[in-house]
Amino acid sequence: MKFSKKFLIGLVGVLILLMVVFFPYMKAEILTAKHGEEFRGLETQTQMMDLADYHKVIQYSDSSAEVYYVHKNKGGCVIQFEKDEDQNWRITYWKMIWSHYGSANEFYWPYYK
């Protein structure tokens, strides 16, 4: 079976597009499976949030992490953590990405809602 050059270029283009679109989701799912328990409940450190319905680990290293917390029908936020001298995760930054009440309306990739 022989494919034309145009078909192969199109196929490669579609595969690259699929990788760009789905890679962040696959990465977040893998990181969440490996490290998700470390961040369960830590969103309450903001002293403004209840426990999230779920969370996804977006970035992770031995000393820092970025986690996306989702409160269904209420809102979602991204929280950055760093380990302190006792090796506990502490919030260094957090930002509301979307809110059911309209107080936040930003876009974050990968998108979870």
PDB file of N, CA and C in Angstrom:
ATOM      1  N   MET A   1       0.843  -1.167   0.000  1.00  0.00           N
ATOM      2  CA  MET A   1       0.000   0.000   0.000  1.00  0.00           C
ATOM      3  C   MET A   1       0.893   1.237   0.000  1.00  0.00           C
ATOM      4  N   LYS A   2       0.643   2.134  -0.919  1.00  0.00           N
ATOM      5  CA  LYS A   2       1.460   3.329  -1.051  1.00  0.00           C
ATOM      6  C   LYS A   2       0.608   4.559  -0.762  1.00  0.00           C
ATOM      7  N   PHE A   3       1.141   5.459   0.081  1.00  0.00           N
ATOM      8  CA  PHE A   3       0.437   6.694   0.422  1.00  0.00           C
ATOM      9  C   PHE A   3       1.112   7.868  -0.265  1.00  0.00           C
ATOM     10  N   SER A   4       0.306   8.845  -0.616  1.00  0.00           N
ATOM     11  CA  SER A   4       0.874  10.032  -1.248  1.00  0.00           C
ATOM     12  C   SER A   4       1.583  10.891  -0.207  1.00  0.00           C
ATOM     13  N   LYS A   5       2.490  11.720  -0.666  1.00  0.00           N
ATOM     14  CA  LYS A   5       3.250  12.608   0.208  1.00  0.00           C
ATOM     15  C   LYS A   5       2.307  13.579   0.924  1.00  0.00           C
ATOM     16  N   LYS A   6       1.306  14.061   0.217  1.00  0.00           N
ATOM     17  CA  LYS A   6       0.334  15.000   0.788  1.00  0.00           C
ATOM     18  C   LYS A   6      -0.447  14.331   1.932  1.00  0.00           C
ATOM     19  N   PHE A   7      -0.828  13.082   1.742  1.00  0.00           N
ATOM     20  CA  PHE A   7      -1.549  12.344   2.779  1.00  0.00           C
ATOM     21  C   PHE A   7      -0.682  12.156   4.015  1.00  0.00           C
ATOM     22  N   LEU A   8       0.586  11.762   3.824  1.00  0.00           N
ATOM     23  CA  LEU A   8       1.487  11.548   4.948  1.00  0.00           C
ATOM     24  C   LEU A   8       1.751  12.836   5.714  1.00  0.00           C
ATOM     25  N   ILE A   9       1.918  13.952   5.010  1.00  0.00           N
ATOM     26  CA  ILE A   9       2.114  15.241   5.670  1.00  0.00           C
ATOM     27  C   ILE A   9       0.875  15.606   6.480  1.00  0.00           C
ATOM     28  N   GLY A  10      -0.296  15.378   5.908  1.00  0.00           N
ATOM     29  CA  GLY A  10      -1.539  15.649   6.626  1.00  0.00           C
ATOM     30  C   GLY A  10      -1.683  14.773   7.857  1.00  0.00           C
ATOM     31  N   LEU A  11      -1.328  13.505   7.729  1.00  0.00           N
ATOM     32  CA  LEU A  11      -1.402  12.571   8.846  1.00  0.00           C
ATOM     33  C   LEU A  11      -0.456  12.982   9.972  1.00  0.00           C
ATOM     34  N   VAL A  12       0.755  13.342   9.612  1.00  0.00           N
ATOM     35  CA  VAL A  12       1.727  13.805  10.610  1.00  0.00           C
ATOM     36  C   VAL A  12       1.210  15.077  11.291  1.00  0.00           C
ATOM     37  N   GLY A  13       0.632  15.973  10.518  1.00  0.00           N
ATOM     38  CA  GLY A  13       0.068  17.206  11.077  1.00  0.00           C
ATOM     39  C   GLY A  13      -1.045  16.920  12.079  1.00  0.00           C
ATOM     40  N   VAL A  14      -1.924  16.007  11.748  1.00  0.00           N
ATOM     41  CA  VAL A  14      -3.023  15.644  12.651  1.00  0.00           C
ATOM     42  C   VAL A  14      -2.471  14.991  13.920  1.00  0.00           C
ATOM     43  N   LEU A  15      -1.481  14.121  13.782  1.00  0.00           N
ATOM     44  CA  LEU A  15      -0.883  13.472  14.952  1.00  0.00           C
ATOM     45  C   LEU A  15      -0.207  14.492  15.867  1.00  0.00           C
ATOM     46  N   ILE A  16       0.485  15.450  15.294  1.00  0.00           N
ATOM     47  CA  ILE A  16       1.121  16.496  16.103  1.00  0.00           C
ATOM     48  C   ILE A  16       0.062  17.329  16.809  1.00  0.00           C
ATOM     49  N   LEU A  17      -1.003  17.676  16.126  1.00  0.00           N
ATOM     50  CA  LEU A  17      -2.088  18.442  16.739  1.00  0.00           C
ATOM     51  C   LEU A  17      -2.717  17.668  17.892  1.00  0.00           C
ATOM     52  N   LEU A  18      -2.964  16.391  17.696  1.00  0.00           N
ATOM     53  CA  LEU A  18      -3.529  15.569  18.767  1.00  0.00           C
ATOM     54  C   LEU A  18      -2.592  15.492  19.971  1.00  0.00           C
ATOM     55  N   MET A  19      -1.297  15.384  19.716  1.00  0.00           N
ATOM     56  CA  MET A  19      -0.335  15.342  20.809  1.00  0.00           C
ATOM     57  C   MET A  19      -0.329  16.661  21.583  1.00  0.00           C
ATOM     58  N   VAL A  20      -0.379  17.779  20.874  1.00  0.00           N
ATOM     59  CA  VAL A  20      -0.377  19.089  21.527  1.00  0.00           C
ATOM     60  C   VAL A  20      -1.634  19.255  22.378  1.00  0.00           C
ATOM     61  N   VAL A  21      -2.764  18.806  21.866  1.00  0.00           N
ATOM     62  CA  VAL A  21      -4.029  18.966  22.576  1.00  0.00           C
ATOM     63  C   VAL A  21      -4.125  18.016  23.768  1.00  0.00           C
ATOM     64  N   PHE A  22      -3.744  16.771  23.620  1.00  0.00           N
ATOM     65  CA  PHE A  22      -3.959  15.778  24.665  1.00  0.00           C
ATOM     66  C   PHE A  22      -2.781  15.574  25.614  1.00  0.00           C
ATOM     67  N   PHE A  23      -1.576  15.976  25.243  1.00  0.00           N
ATOM     68  CA  PHE A  23      -0.419  15.764  26.106  1.00  0.00           C
ATOM     69  C   PHE A  23      -0.587  16.395  27.486  1.00  0.00           C
ATOM     70  N   PRO A  24      -1.044  17.654  27.601  1.00  0.00           N
ATOM     71  CA  PRO A  24      -1.205  18.229  28.949  1.00  0.00           C
ATOM     72  C   PRO A  24      -2.171  17.430  29.829  1.00  0.00           C
ATOM     73  N   TYR A  25      -3.224  16.879  29.231  1.00  0.00           N
ATOM     74  CA  TYR A  25      -4.168  16.068  29.999  1.00  0.00           C
ATOM     75  C   TYR A  25      -3.526  14.757  30.453  1.00  0.00           C
ATOM     76  N   MET A  26      -2.799  14.122  29.561  1.00  0.00           N
ATOM     77  CA  MET A  26      -2.130  12.868  29.920  1.00  0.00           C
ATOM     78  C   MET A  26      -1.098  13.114  31.015  1.00  0.00           C
ATOM     79  N   LYS A  27      -0.335  14.199  30.884  1.00  0.00           N
ATOM     80  CA  LYS A  27       0.666  14.542  31.882  1.00  0.00           C
ATOM     81  C   LYS A  27       0.006  14.785  33.242  1.00  0.00           C
ATOM     82  N   ALA A  28      -1.092  15.555  33.255  1.00  0.00           N
ATOM     83  CA  ALA A  28      -1.794  15.847  34.513  1.00  0.00           C
ATOM     84  C   ALA A  28      -2.355  14.574  35.139  1.00  0.00           C
ATOM     85  N   GLU A  29      -2.886  13.682  34.339  1.00  0.00           N
ATOM     86  CA  GLU A  29      -3.424  12.428  34.874  1.00  0.00           C
ATOM     87  C   GLU A  29      -2.323  11.565  35.481  1.00  0.00           C
ATOM     88  N   ILE A  30      -1.173  11.507  34.826  1.00  0.00           N
ATOM     89  CA  ILE A  30      -0.056  10.720  35.344  1.00  0.00           C
ATOM     90  C   ILE A  30       0.473  11.332  36.636  1.00  0.00           C
ATOM     91  N   LEU A  31       0.693  12.657  36.640  1.00  0.00           N
ATOM     92  CA  LEU A  31       1.190  13.324  37.847  1.00  0.00           C
ATOM     93  C   LEU A  31       0.197  13.209  38.999  1.00  0.00           C
ATOM     94  N   THR A  32      -1.097  13.298  38.691  1.00  0.00           N
ATOM     95  CA  THR A  32      -2.113  13.180  39.733  1.00  0.00           C
ATOM     96  C   THR A  32      -2.132  11.764  40.307  1.00  0.00           C
ATOM     97  N   ALA A  33      -1.990  10.772  39.450  1.00  0.00           N
ATOM     98  CA  ALA A  33      -1.950   9.387  39.936  1.00  0.00           C
ATOM     99  C   ALA A  33      -0.729   9.153  40.833  1.00  0.00           C
ATOM    100  N   LYS A  34       0.397   9.762  40.492  1.00  0.00           N
ATOM    101  CA  LYS A  34       1.621   9.562  41.256  1.00  0.00           C
ATOM    102  C   LYS A  34       1.673  10.407  42.531  1.00  0.00           C
ATOM    103  N   HIS A  35       1.180  11.665  42.468  1.00  0.00           N
ATOM    104  CA  HIS A  35       1.410  12.604  43.567  1.00  0.00           C
ATOM    105  C   HIS A  35       0.140  13.253  44.110  1.00  0.00           C
ATOM    106  N   GLY A  36      -1.003  12.896  43.595  1.00  0.00           N
ATOM    107  CA  GLY A  36      -2.247  13.562  43.962  1.00  0.00           C
ATOM    108  C   GLY A  36      -2.564  13.536  45.444  1.00  0.00           C
ATOM    109  N   GLU A  37      -2.267  12.423  46.111  1.00  0.00           N
ATOM    110  CA  GLU A  37      -2.583  12.311  47.541  1.00  0.00           C
ATOM    111  C   GLU A  37      -1.821  13.327  48.382  1.00  0.00           C
ATOM    112  N   GLU A  38      -0.645  13.737  47.918  1.00  0.00           N
ATOM    113  CA  GLU A  38       0.150  14.724  48.656  1.00  0.00           C
ATOM    114  C   GLU A  38      -0.577  16.064  48.774  1.00  0.00           C
ATOM    115  N   PHE A  39      -1.494  16.341  47.851  1.00  0.00           N
ATOM    116  CA  PHE A  39      -2.122  17.658  47.771  1.00  0.00           C
ATOM    117  C   PHE A  39      -3.600  17.645  48.159  1.00  0.00           C
ATOM    118  N   ARG A  40      -4.102  16.495  48.539  1.00  0.00           N
ATOM    119  CA  ARG A  40      -5.511  16.404  48.945  1.00  0.00           C
ATOM    120  C   ARG A  40      -5.724  17.244  50.201  1.00  0.00           C
ATOM    121  N   GLY A  41      -6.642  18.204  50.112  1.00  0.00           N
ATOM    122  CA  GLY A  41      -6.995  19.034  51.260  1.00  0.00           C
ATOM    123  C   GLY A  41      -6.109  20.241  51.490  1.00  0.00           C
ATOM    124  N   LEU A  42      -5.019  20.373  50.757  1.00  0.00           N
ATOM    125  CA  LEU A  42      -4.112  21.496  50.989  1.00  0.00           C
ATOM    126  C   LEU A  42      -4.677  22.833  50.519  1.00  0.00           C
ATOM    127  N   GLU A  43      -5.741  22.798  49.720  1.00  0.00           N
ATOM    128  CA  GLU A  43      -6.346  24.060  49.272  1.00  0.00           C
ATOM    129  C   GLU A  43      -6.939  24.845  50.438  1.00  0.00           C
ATOM    130  N   THR A  44      -7.188  24.170  51.539  1.00  0.00           N
ATOM    131  CA  THR A  44      -7.742  24.866  52.711  1.00  0.00           C
ATOM    132  C   THR A  44      -6.707  25.782  53.361  1.00  0.00           C
ATOM    133  N   GLN A  45      -5.427  25.667  52.975  1.00  0.00           N
ATOM    134  CA  GLN A  45      -4.403  26.590  53.467  1.00  0.00           C
ATOM    135  C   GLN A  45      -4.707  28.025  53.060  1.00  0.00           C
ATOM    136  N   THR A  46      -5.509  28.206  52.018  1.00  0.00           N
ATOM    137  CA  THR A  46      -5.862  29.568  51.605  1.00  0.00           C
ATOM    138  C   THR A  46      -6.757  30.236  52.641  1.00  0.00           C
ATOM    139  N   GLN A  47      -7.393  29.450  53.468  1.00  0.00           N
ATOM    140  CA  GLN A  47      -8.349  29.889  54.482  1.00  0.00           C
ATOM    141  C   GLN A  47      -9.553  30.599  53.850  1.00  0.00           C
ATOM    142  N   MET A  48      -9.755  30.355  52.563  1.00  0.00           N
ATOM    143  CA  MET A  48     -10.901  30.913  51.862  1.00  0.00           C
ATOM    144  C   MET A  48     -11.664  29.849  51.085  1.00  0.00           C
ATOM    145  N   MET A  49     -11.150  28.620  51.055  1.00  0.00           N
ATOM    146  CA  MET A  49     -11.753  27.567  50.251  1.00  0.00           C
ATOM    147  C   MET A  49     -12.104  26.359  51.093  1.00  0.00           C
ATOM    148  N   ASP A  50     -13.207  25.735  50.704  1.00  0.00           N
ATOM    149  CA  ASP A  50     -13.565  24.438  51.259  1.00  0.00           C
ATOM    150  C   ASP A  50     -12.785  23.371  50.508  1.00  0.00           C
ATOM    151  N   LEU A  51     -12.949  22.129  50.918  1.00  0.00           N
ATOM    152  CA  LEU A  51     -12.320  21.030  50.197  1.00  0.00           C
ATOM    153  C   LEU A  51     -12.837  20.982  48.768  1.00  0.00           C
ATOM    154  N   ALA A  52     -11.948  20.764  47.832  1.00  0.00           N
ATOM    155  CA  ALA A  52     -12.309  20.685  46.417  1.00  0.00           C
ATOM    156  C   ALA A  52     -12.974  19.354  46.116  1.00  0.00           C
ATOM    157  N   ASP A  53     -13.778  19.348  45.048  1.00  0.00           N
ATOM    158  CA  ASP A  53     -14.372  18.096  44.591  1.00  0.00           C
ATOM    159  C   ASP A  53     -13.310  17.187  43.980  1.00  0.00           C
ATOM    160  N   TYR A  54     -12.348  17.787  43.287  1.00  0.00           N
ATOM    161  CA  TYR A  54     -11.205  17.033  42.778  1.00  0.00           C
ATOM    162  C   TYR A  54     -10.072  17.994  42.455  1.00  0.00           C
ATOM    163  N   HIS A  55      -8.907  17.440  42.237  1.00  0.00           N
ATOM    164  CA  HIS A  55      -7.746  18.250  41.889  1.00  0.00           C
ATOM    165  C   HIS A  55      -6.881  17.492  40.898  1.00  0.00           C
ATOM    166  N   LYS A  56      -6.080  18.254  40.154  1.00  0.00           N
ATOM    167  CA  LYS A  56      -5.160  17.686  39.174  1.00  0.00           C
ATOM    168  C   LYS A  56      -3.790  18.311  39.383  1.00  0.00           C
ATOM    169  N   VAL A  57      -2.768  17.488  39.451  1.00  0.00           N
ATOM    170  CA  VAL A  57      -1.401  17.975  39.567  1.00  0.00           C
ATOM    171  C   VAL A  57      -0.919  18.311  38.160  1.00  0.00           C
ATOM    172  N   ILE A  58      -0.628  19.579  37.938  1.00  0.00           N
ATOM    173  CA  ILE A  58      -0.251  20.052  36.596  1.00  0.00           C
ATOM    174  C   ILE A  58       1.262  20.028  36.402  1.00  0.00           C
ATOM    175  N   GLN A  59       2.004  20.445  37.418  1.00  0.00           N
ATOM    176  CA  GLN A  59       3.471  20.426  37.386  1.00  0.00           C
ATOM    177  C   GLN A  59       3.951  19.856  38.714  1.00  0.00           C
ATOM    178  N   TYR A  60       5.089  19.168  38.693  1.00  0.00           N
ATOM    179  CA  TYR A  60       5.614  18.602  39.932  1.00  0.00           C
ATOM    180  C   TYR A  60       7.122  18.473  39.840  1.00  0.00           C
ATOM    181  N   SER A  61       7.794  18.900  40.916  1.00  0.00           N
ATOM    182  CA  SER A  61       9.212  18.614  41.110  1.00  0.00           C
ATOM    183  C   SER A  61       9.384  18.295  42.589  1.00  0.00           C
ATOM    184  N   ASP A  62      10.599  17.961  43.000  1.00  0.00           N
ATOM    185  CA  ASP A  62      10.829  17.617  44.398  1.00  0.00           C
ATOM    186  C   ASP A  62      10.575  18.786  45.348  1.00  0.00           C
ATOM    187  N   SER A  63      10.670  20.026  44.838  1.00  0.00           N
ATOM    188  CA  SER A  63      10.548  21.183  45.720  1.00  0.00           C
ATOM    189  C   SER A  63       9.363  22.094  45.409  1.00  0.00           C
ATOM    190  N   SER A  64       8.699  21.911  44.270  1.00  0.00           N
ATOM    191  CA  SER A  64       7.566  22.773  43.924  1.00  0.00           C
ATOM    192  C   SER A  64       6.534  22.001  43.105  1.00  0.00           C
ATOM    193  N   ALA A  65       5.329  22.535  43.112  1.00  0.00           N
ATOM    194  CA  ALA A  65       4.246  21.890  42.361  1.00  0.00           C
ATOM    195  C   ALA A  65       3.175  22.920  42.046  1.00  0.00           C
ATOM    196  N   GLU A  66       2.389  22.623  41.030  1.00  0.00           N
ATOM    197  CA  GLU A  66       1.242  23.442  40.649  1.00  0.00           C
ATOM    198  C   GLU A  66       0.044  22.507  40.546  1.00  0.00           C
ATOM    199  N   VAL A  67      -1.031  22.862  41.261  1.00  0.00           N
ATOM    200  CA  VAL A  67      -2.194  21.990  41.351  1.00  0.00           C
ATOM    201  C   VAL A  67      -3.444  22.787  41.001  1.00  0.00           C
ATOM    202  N   TYR A  68      -4.312  22.177  40.206  1.00  0.00           N
ATOM    203  CA  TYR A  68      -5.569  22.790  39.803  1.00  0.00           C
ATOM    204  C   TYR A  68      -6.680  22.153  40.624  1.00  0.00           C
ATOM    205  N   TYR A  69      -7.349  22.959  41.451  1.00  0.00           N
ATOM    206  CA  TYR A  69      -8.444  22.484  42.297  1.00  0.00           C
ATOM    207  C   TYR A  69      -9.770  22.913  41.706  1.00  0.00           C
ATOM    208  N   VAL A  70     -10.744  22.009  41.697  1.00  0.00           N
ATOM    209  CA  VAL A  70     -12.062  22.297  41.143  1.00  0.00           C
ATOM    210  C   VAL A  70     -13.134  22.061  42.196  1.00  0.00           C
ATOM    211  N   HIS A  71     -13.945  23.083  42.397  1.00  0.00           N
ATOM    212  CA  HIS A  71     -15.142  22.992  43.234  1.00  0.00           C
ATOM    213  C   HIS A  71     -16.311  23.028  42.257  1.00  0.00           C
ATOM    214  N   LYS A  72     -16.913  21.874  42.002  1.00  0.00           N
ATOM    215  CA  LYS A  72     -17.973  21.793  40.990  1.00  0.00           C
ATOM    216  C   LYS A  72     -19.057  22.818  41.259  1.00  0.00           C
ATOM    217  N   ASN A  73     -19.482  23.492  40.212  1.00  0.00           N
ATOM    218  CA  ASN A  73     -20.524  24.506  40.245  1.00  0.00           C
ATOM    219  C   ASN A  73     -20.176  25.707  41.122  1.00  0.00           C
ATOM    220  N   LYS A  74     -18.922  25.831  41.523  1.00  0.00           N
ATOM    221  CA  LYS A  74     -18.505  26.989  42.319  1.00  0.00           C
ATOM    222  C   LYS A  74     -17.318  27.689  41.699  1.00  0.00           C
ATOM    223  N   GLY A  75     -16.274  26.932  41.354  1.00  0.00           N
ATOM    224  CA  GLY A  75     -15.105  27.569  40.776  1.00  0.00           C
ATOM    225  C   GLY A  75     -13.897  26.668  40.748  1.00  0.00           C
ATOM    226  N   GLY A  76     -12.856  27.173  40.126  1.00  0.00           N
ATOM    227  CA  GLY A  76     -11.601  26.452  40.025  1.00  0.00           C
ATOM    228  C   GLY A  76     -10.441  27.395  40.264  1.00  0.00           C
ATOM    229  N   CYS A  77      -9.371  26.886  40.857  1.00  0.00           N
ATOM    230  CA  CYS A  77      -8.207  27.726  41.119  1.00  0.00           C
ATOM    231  C   CYS A  77      -6.925  26.924  40.899  1.00  0.00           C
ATOM    232  N   VAL A  78      -5.864  27.658  40.633  1.00  0.00           N
ATOM    233  CA  VAL A  78      -4.536  27.072  40.506  1.00  0.00           C
ATOM    234  C   VAL A  78      -3.738  27.518  41.720  1.00  0.00           C
ATOM    235  N   ILE A  79      -3.122  26.560  42.379  1.00  0.00           N
ATOM    236  CA  ILE A  79      -2.312  26.860  43.557  1.00  0.00           C
ATOM    237  C   ILE A  79      -0.900  26.346  43.324  1.00  0.00           C
ATOM    238  N   GLN A  80       0.066  27.213  43.584  1.00  0.00           N
ATOM    239  CA  GLN A  80       1.466  26.820  43.503  1.00  0.00           C
ATOM    240  C   GLN A  80       1.969  26.548  44.917  1.00  0.00           C
ATOM    241  N   PHE A  81       2.696  25.456  45.063  1.00  0.00           N
ATOM    242  CA  PHE A  81       3.237  25.037  46.352  1.00  0.00           C
ATOM    243  C   PHE A  81       4.752  24.939  46.269  1.00  0.00           C
ATOM    244  N   GLU A  82       5.388  25.163  47.408  1.00  0.00           N
ATOM    245  CA  GLU A  82       6.804  24.874  47.571  1.00  0.00           C
ATOM    246  C   GLU A  82       6.973  24.159  48.896  1.00  0.00           C
ATOM    247  N   LYS A  83       7.989  23.334  48.981  1.00  0.00           N
ATOM    248  CA  LYS A  83       8.264  22.645  50.237  1.00  0.00           C
ATOM    249  C   LYS A  83       9.027  23.577  51.165  1.00  0.00           C
ATOM    250  N   ASP A  84       8.617  23.571  52.439  1.00  0.00           N
ATOM    251  CA  ASP A  84       9.316  24.382  53.424  1.00  0.00           C
ATOM    252  C   ASP A  84      10.482  23.587  53.997  1.00  0.00           C
ATOM    253  N   GLU A  85      11.151  24.144  55.014  1.00  0.00           N
ATOM    254  CA  GLU A  85      12.324  23.487  55.586  1.00  0.00           C
ATOM    255  C   GLU A  85      11.986  22.151  56.251  1.00  0.00           C
ATOM    256  N   ASP A  86      10.710  21.958  56.627  1.00  0.00           N
ATOM    257  CA  ASP A  86      10.272  20.684  57.213  1.00  0.00           C
ATOM    258  C   ASP A  86       9.735  19.712  56.164  1.00  0.00           C
ATOM    259  N   GLN A  87       9.895  20.060  54.894  1.00  0.00           N
ATOM    260  CA  GLN A  87       9.447  19.239  53.766  1.00  0.00           C
ATOM    261  C   GLN A  87       7.930  19.130  53.673  1.00  0.00           C
ATOM    262  N   ASN A  88       7.219  20.154  54.172  1.00  0.00           N
ATOM    263  CA  ASN A  88       5.770  20.235  54.036  1.00  0.00           C
ATOM    264  C   ASN A  88       5.430  21.177  52.897  1.00  0.00           C
ATOM    265  N   TRP A  89       4.358  20.870  52.162  1.00  0.00           N
ATOM    266  CA  TRP A  89       3.930  21.726  51.064  1.00  0.00           C
ATOM    267  C   TRP A  89       3.242  22.971  51.626  1.00  0.00           C
ATOM    268  N   ARG A  90       3.686  24.130  51.172  1.00  0.00           N
ATOM    269  CA  ARG A  90       3.105  25.409  51.571  1.00  0.00           C
ATOM    270  C   ARG A  90       2.746  26.209  50.331  1.00  0.00           C
ATOM    271  N   ILE A  91       1.631  26.919  50.406  1.00  0.00           N
ATOM    272  CA  ILE A  91       1.182  27.735  49.276  1.00  0.00           C
ATOM    273  C   ILE A  91       2.118  28.926  49.089  1.00  0.00           C
ATOM    274  N   THR A  92       2.536  29.130  47.835  1.00  0.00           N
ATOM    275  CA  THR A  92       3.315  30.323  47.510  1.00  0.00           C
ATOM    276  C   THR A  92       2.496  31.295  46.672  1.00  0.00           C
ATOM    277  N   TYR A  93       1.467  30.769  45.975  1.00  0.00           N
ATOM    278  CA  TYR A  93       0.650  31.615  45.112  1.00  0.00           C
ATOM    279  C   TYR A  93      -0.618  30.854  44.774  1.00  0.00           C
ATOM    280  N   TRP A  94      -1.732  31.587  44.680  1.00  0.00           N
ATOM    281  CA  TRP A  94      -2.955  30.957  44.190  1.00  0.00           C
ATOM    282  C   TRP A  94      -3.786  31.973  43.449  1.00  0.00           C
ATOM    283  N   LYS A  95      -4.563  31.473  42.484  1.00  0.00           N
ATOM    284  CA  LYS A  95      -5.340  32.347  41.625  1.00  0.00           C
ATOM    285  C   LYS A  95      -6.630  31.650  41.215  1.00  0.00           C
ATOM    286  N   MET A  96      -7.734  32.349  41.350  1.00  0.00           N
ATOM    287  CA  MET A  96      -9.013  31.822  40.868  1.00  0.00           C
ATOM    288  C   MET A  96      -9.020  31.901  39.338  1.00  0.00           C
ATOM    289  N   ILE A  97      -9.387  30.806  38.696  1.00  0.00           N
ATOM    290  CA  ILE A  97      -9.421  30.755  37.241  1.00  0.00           C
ATOM    291  C   ILE A  97     -10.836  30.958  36.733  1.00  0.00           C
ATOM    292  N   TRP A  98     -11.785  30.303  37.356  1.00  0.00           N
ATOM    293  CA  TRP A  98     -13.184  30.497  36.955  1.00  0.00           C
ATOM    294  C   TRP A  98     -14.054  30.403  38.191  1.00  0.00           C
ATOM    295  N   SER A  99     -15.169  31.106  38.128  1.00  0.00           N
ATOM    296  CA  SER A  99     -16.085  31.128  39.254  1.00  0.00           C
ATOM    297  C   SER A  99     -17.517  31.115  38.752  1.00  0.00           C
ATOM    298  N   HIS A 100     -18.334  30.327  39.386  1.00  0.00           N
ATOM    299  CA  HIS A 100     -19.753  30.270  39.054  1.00  0.00           C
ATOM    300  C   HIS A 100     -20.412  31.631  39.275  1.00  0.00           C
ATOM    301  N   TYR A 101     -19.863  32.396  40.204  1.00  0.00           N
ATOM    302  CA  TYR A 101     -20.440  33.686  40.559  1.00  0.00           C
ATOM    303  C   TYR A 101     -19.938  34.822  39.669  1.00  0.00           C
ATOM    304  N   GLY A 102     -19.030  34.523  38.746  1.00  0.00           N
ATOM    305  CA  GLY A 102     -18.554  35.533  37.805  1.00  0.00           C
ATOM    306  C   GLY A 102     -17.414  36.388  38.311  1.00  0.00           C
ATOM    307  N   SER A 103     -16.874  36.070  39.477  1.00  0.00           N
ATOM    308  CA  SER A 103     -15.800  36.882  40.027  1.00  0.00           C
ATOM    309  C   SER A 103     -14.433  36.536  39.434  1.00  0.00           C
ATOM    310  N   ALA A 104     -14.352  35.475  38.673  1.00  0.00           N
ATOM    311  CA  ALA A 104     -13.118  35.099  37.992  1.00  0.00           C
ATOM    312  C   ALA A 104     -13.499  34.473  36.664  1.00  0.00           C
ATOM    313  N   ASN A 105     -12.824  34.869  35.626  1.00  0.00           N
ATOM    314  CA  ASN A 105     -13.149  34.343  34.316  1.00  0.00           C
ATOM    315  C   ASN A 105     -11.899  34.345  33.453  1.00  0.00           C
ATOM    316  N   GLU A 106     -10.991  33.433  33.736  1.00  0.00           N
ATOM    317  CA  GLU A 106      -9.759  33.318  32.972  1.00  0.00           C
ATOM    318  C   GLU A 106      -9.695  31.936  32.348  1.00  0.00           C
ATOM    319  N   PHE A 107      -8.739  31.768  31.471  1.00  0.00           N
ATOM    320  CA  PHE A 107      -8.558  30.484  30.817  1.00  0.00           C
ATOM    321  C   PHE A 107      -7.254  29.871  31.307  1.00  0.00           C
ATOM    322  N   TYR A 108      -7.289  28.589  31.568  1.00  0.00           N
ATOM    323  CA  TYR A 108      -6.102  27.860  32.000  1.00  0.00           C
ATOM    324  C   TYR A 108      -6.041  26.552  31.239  1.00  0.00           C
ATOM    325  N   TRP A 109      -4.867  26.179  30.796  1.00  0.00           N
ATOM    326  CA  TRP A 109      -4.688  24.943  30.047  1.00  0.00           C
ATOM    327  C   TRP A 109      -3.840  23.991  30.852  1.00  0.00           C
ATOM    328  N   PRO A 110      -4.186  22.759  31.043  1.00  0.00           N
ATOM    329  CA  PRO A 110      -5.368  22.098  30.508  1.00  0.00           C
ATOM    330  C   PRO A 110      -6.626  22.507  31.260  1.00  0.00           C
ATOM    331  N   TYR A 111      -7.706  22.532  30.548  1.00  0.00           N
ATOM    332  CA  TYR A 111      -8.977  23.013  31.062  1.00  0.00           C
ATOM    333  C   TYR A 111      -9.733  21.890  31.748  1.00  0.00           C
ATOM    334  N   TYR A 112     -10.066  22.084  32.987  1.00  0.00           N
ATOM    335  CA  TYR A 112     -10.898  21.151  33.739  1.00  0.00           C
ATOM    336  C   TYR A 112     -12.071  21.922  34.298  1.00  0.00           C
ATOM    337  N   LYS A 113     -13.245  21.360  34.223  1.00  0.00           N
ATOM    338  CA  LYS A 113     -14.426  22.015  34.786  1.00  0.00           C
ATOM    339  C   LYS A 113     -15.395  21.003  35.311  1.00  0.00           C
TER     340      LYS A 113
END
